[in-house]
N, C-alpha and C. Protein backbone atom coordinates (compact mmCIF):
# COMPACT_ATOMS: atom_id res chain seq x y z
N MET A 1 13.74 -13.66 13.18
CA MET A 1 13.37 -12.69 13.36
C MET A 1 11.60 -12.43 11.78
N PHE A 2 12.47 -12.61 10.64
CA PHE A 2 10.79 -13.60 9.72
C PHE A 2 10.92 -14.29 9.61
N LYS A 3 11.24 -15.11 9.66
CA LYS A 3 10.30 -16.92 10.13
C LYS A 3 9.60 -16.57 11.10
N GLU A 4 10.12 -15.93 12.79
CA GLU A 4 8.68 -15.70 13.48
C GLU A 4 7.83 -14.75 12.94
N PHE A 5 8.56 -13.85 12.42
CA PHE A 5 7.30 -13.03 11.73
C PHE A 5 6.32 -13.72 11.17
N VAL A 6 6.22 -14.16 10.82
CA VAL A 6 5.81 -14.57 9.06
C VAL A 6 4.99 -15.71 9.82
N GLU A 7 5.15 -16.77 11.24
CA GLU A 7 4.66 -18.25 11.98
C GLU A 7 3.55 -17.10 12.60
N ARG A 8 3.45 -16.28 13.35
CA ARG A 8 2.78 -15.51 13.78
C ARG A 8 1.78 -14.92 13.05
N LEU A 9 1.99 -14.55 11.98
CA LEU A 9 0.88 -14.07 11.74
C LEU A 9 -0.12 -14.67 9.97
N GLY A 10 0.92 -15.88 9.93
CA GLY A 10 0.55 -16.53 8.74
C GLY A 10 0.77 -15.93 7.13
N TRP A 11 0.83 -16.66 6.34
CA TRP A 11 1.45 -16.78 4.60
C TRP A 11 -0.17 -16.00 4.44
N MET A 12 -0.93 -16.30 4.14
CA MET A 12 -2.49 -15.81 4.25
C MET A 12 -2.36 -13.47 4.52
N ASN A 13 -2.04 -13.22 5.03
CA ASN A 13 -2.38 -13.00 6.35
C ASN A 13 -0.90 -11.54 5.30
N ILE A 14 -0.01 -12.13 5.72
CA ILE A 14 1.24 -11.98 5.15
C ILE A 14 0.94 -11.14 3.43
N ILE A 15 0.23 -11.88 2.63
CA ILE A 15 0.29 -11.76 2.01
C ILE A 15 -0.67 -10.45 0.82
N LEU A 16 -1.65 -10.50 1.65
CA LEU A 16 -2.95 -10.21 2.65
C LEU A 16 -2.93 -7.93 2.48
N LEU A 17 -2.02 -8.00 3.08
CA LEU A 17 -1.05 -7.13 3.64
C LEU A 17 -0.38 -5.92 2.44
N LEU A 18 0.52 -7.48 1.94
CA LEU A 18 0.98 -7.06 0.71
C LEU A 18 0.46 -6.02 -0.62
N VAL A 19 -0.88 -7.30 -0.19
CA VAL A 19 -1.43 -5.93 -1.69
C VAL A 19 -2.13 -5.54 -0.73
N VAL A 20 -2.46 -4.96 -0.16
CA VAL A 20 -3.19 -3.43 0.95
C VAL A 20 -1.87 -2.45 0.80
N LEU A 21 -1.10 -2.55 0.39
CA LEU A 21 0.20 -1.96 0.16
C LEU A 21 0.26 -1.44 -1.06
N SER A 22 0.29 -1.89 -1.83
CA SER A 22 0.03 -1.80 -3.47
C SER A 22 -0.89 -0.90 -3.98
N ILE A 23 -1.55 -1.67 -3.26
CA ILE A 23 -3.25 -0.57 -3.35
C ILE A 23 -3.24 0.75 -2.90
N ILE A 24 -2.74 0.94 -1.77
CA ILE A 24 -2.35 2.13 -1.18
C ILE A 24 -1.45 3.78 -2.01
N VAL A 25 -0.30 2.64 -2.76
CA VAL A 25 1.08 2.51 -4.12
C VAL A 25 0.19 3.56 -5.14
N VAL A 26 -0.47 2.46 -5.15
CA VAL A 26 -1.33 2.59 -6.61
C VAL A 26 -2.82 4.43 -6.34
N SER A 27 -3.08 3.89 -5.46
CA SER A 27 -3.85 4.70 -5.25
C SER A 27 -3.19 6.24 -5.05
N GLU A 28 -2.27 6.40 -4.07
CA GLU A 28 -1.46 7.20 -4.29
C GLU A 28 -0.63 8.10 -5.54
N ILE A 29 -0.22 7.23 -6.58
CA ILE A 29 0.34 7.42 -7.71
C ILE A 29 -0.78 8.14 -8.33
N ARG A 30 -1.92 6.88 -9.39
CA ARG A 30 -2.91 7.75 -9.41
C ARG A 30 -3.78 9.70 -9.08
N PHE A 31 -3.49 9.77 -8.00
CA PHE A 31 -4.08 11.02 -7.23
C PHE A 31 -3.32 12.27 -7.37
N LEU A 32 -1.87 11.48 -7.48
CA LEU A 32 -0.95 12.93 -8.25
C LEU A 32 -0.53 12.70 -9.49
N GLN A 33 -0.82 12.00 -9.68
CA GLN A 33 -1.08 12.01 -11.78
C GLN A 33 -2.61 12.96 -11.70
N GLY A 34 -3.30 13.14 -11.18
CA GLY A 34 -4.34 14.28 -11.19
C GLY A 34 -5.78 13.29 -11.60
N GLU A 35 -5.54 11.66 -11.43
CA GLU A 35 -6.83 11.37 -11.43
C GLU A 35 -8.11 11.07 -10.03
N LYS A 36 -7.76 12.85 -9.11
CA LYS A 36 -8.52 12.35 -7.53
C LYS A 36 -9.09 11.41 -7.92
N LEU A 37 -10.36 11.18 -8.13
CA LEU A 37 -11.87 10.26 -7.63
C LEU A 37 -11.29 8.87 -7.93
N GLU A 38 -10.44 8.69 -8.96
CA GLU A 38 -10.14 7.48 -9.12
C GLU A 38 -9.13 6.71 -7.96
N ALA A 39 -8.43 7.70 -7.36
CA ALA A 39 -7.29 7.37 -6.13
C ALA A 39 -8.33 7.48 -5.24
N ILE A 40 -9.36 7.61 -5.39
CA ILE A 40 -10.33 7.64 -3.88
C ILE A 40 -11.01 6.47 -3.65
N PHE A 41 -10.83 6.13 -5.21
CA PHE A 41 -12.02 5.13 -4.52
C PHE A 41 -11.01 4.10 -5.04
N ILE A 42 -10.17 4.23 -5.10
CA ILE A 42 -8.91 3.47 -5.00
C ILE A 42 -8.80 2.76 -3.81
N GLY A 43 -8.04 4.14 -2.95
CA GLY A 43 -7.54 4.40 -1.97
C GLY A 43 -8.62 2.71 -1.05
N LEU A 44 -10.10 3.50 -1.16
CA LEU A 44 -10.94 2.74 -0.29
C LEU A 44 -10.61 1.15 -0.25
N TRP A 45 -9.96 0.76 -0.73
CA TRP A 45 -10.07 -0.72 -1.09
C TRP A 45 -9.60 -1.38 0.13
N ALA A 46 -7.87 -0.50 0.55
CA ALA A 46 -7.32 -1.09 1.41
C ALA A 46 -8.08 -1.08 3.01
N PRO A 47 -8.71 0.03 2.83
CA PRO A 47 -9.10 -0.42 5.22
C PRO A 47 -10.91 -1.53 4.42
N THR A 48 -10.96 -1.52 3.91
CA THR A 48 -11.99 -2.45 2.86
C THR A 48 -11.95 -3.98 3.03
N ILE A 49 -10.19 -3.82 3.01
CA ILE A 49 -9.48 -5.81 2.93
C ILE A 49 -9.19 -5.51 3.81
N LEU A 50 -8.84 -5.30 5.55
CA LEU A 50 -8.14 -4.48 7.06
C LEU A 50 -9.49 -5.73 7.50
N GLY A 51 -10.69 -4.60 7.42
CA GLY A 51 -11.87 -4.75 7.75
C GLY A 51 -12.25 -6.14 8.14
N PHE A 52 -11.78 -6.69 6.37
CA PHE A 52 -12.33 -7.98 6.20
C PHE A 52 -11.97 -9.14 6.84
N MET A 53 -9.90 -8.46 6.65
CA MET A 53 -8.69 -9.51 7.33
C MET A 53 -9.20 -9.78 8.74
N ASN A 54 -10.15 -7.88 9.92
CA ASN A 54 -9.95 -8.07 11.06
C ASN A 54 -11.45 -8.79 12.04
N TYR A 55 -12.27 -9.20 10.79
CA TYR A 55 -13.52 -9.83 10.35
C TYR A 55 -13.08 -11.09 10.46
N LEU A 56 -12.59 -11.79 9.49
CA LEU A 56 -11.81 -13.47 9.93
C LEU A 56 -11.01 -13.90 10.74
N LYS A 57 -10.44 -13.32 11.46
CA LYS A 57 -9.81 -12.93 12.31
C LYS A 57 -10.72 -13.43 13.54
N TYR A 58 -11.23 -12.64 14.13
CA TYR A 58 -12.24 -12.60 15.21
C TYR A 58 -13.33 -13.48 15.32
N LYS A 59 -13.82 -14.16 13.84
CA LYS A 59 -15.25 -14.54 13.75
C LYS A 59 -14.64 -16.57 14.02
N LYS A 60 -13.45 -16.91 13.80
CA LYS A 60 -13.09 -18.32 14.77
C LYS A 60 -13.61 -18.59 16.37
């Protein structure tokens, strides 16, 4: 099951999705620590990376 998932997405997309997940976690931690503006700034990176992934996917 995992092997099929990796073959369908590709290693680079899986790595980028893990980066996006870690960005969301870091943003949530910062928000709960009281650093609200920094959390919002970091949290905006995730949709930017996902949008860039979509752009590269459909550019081919």
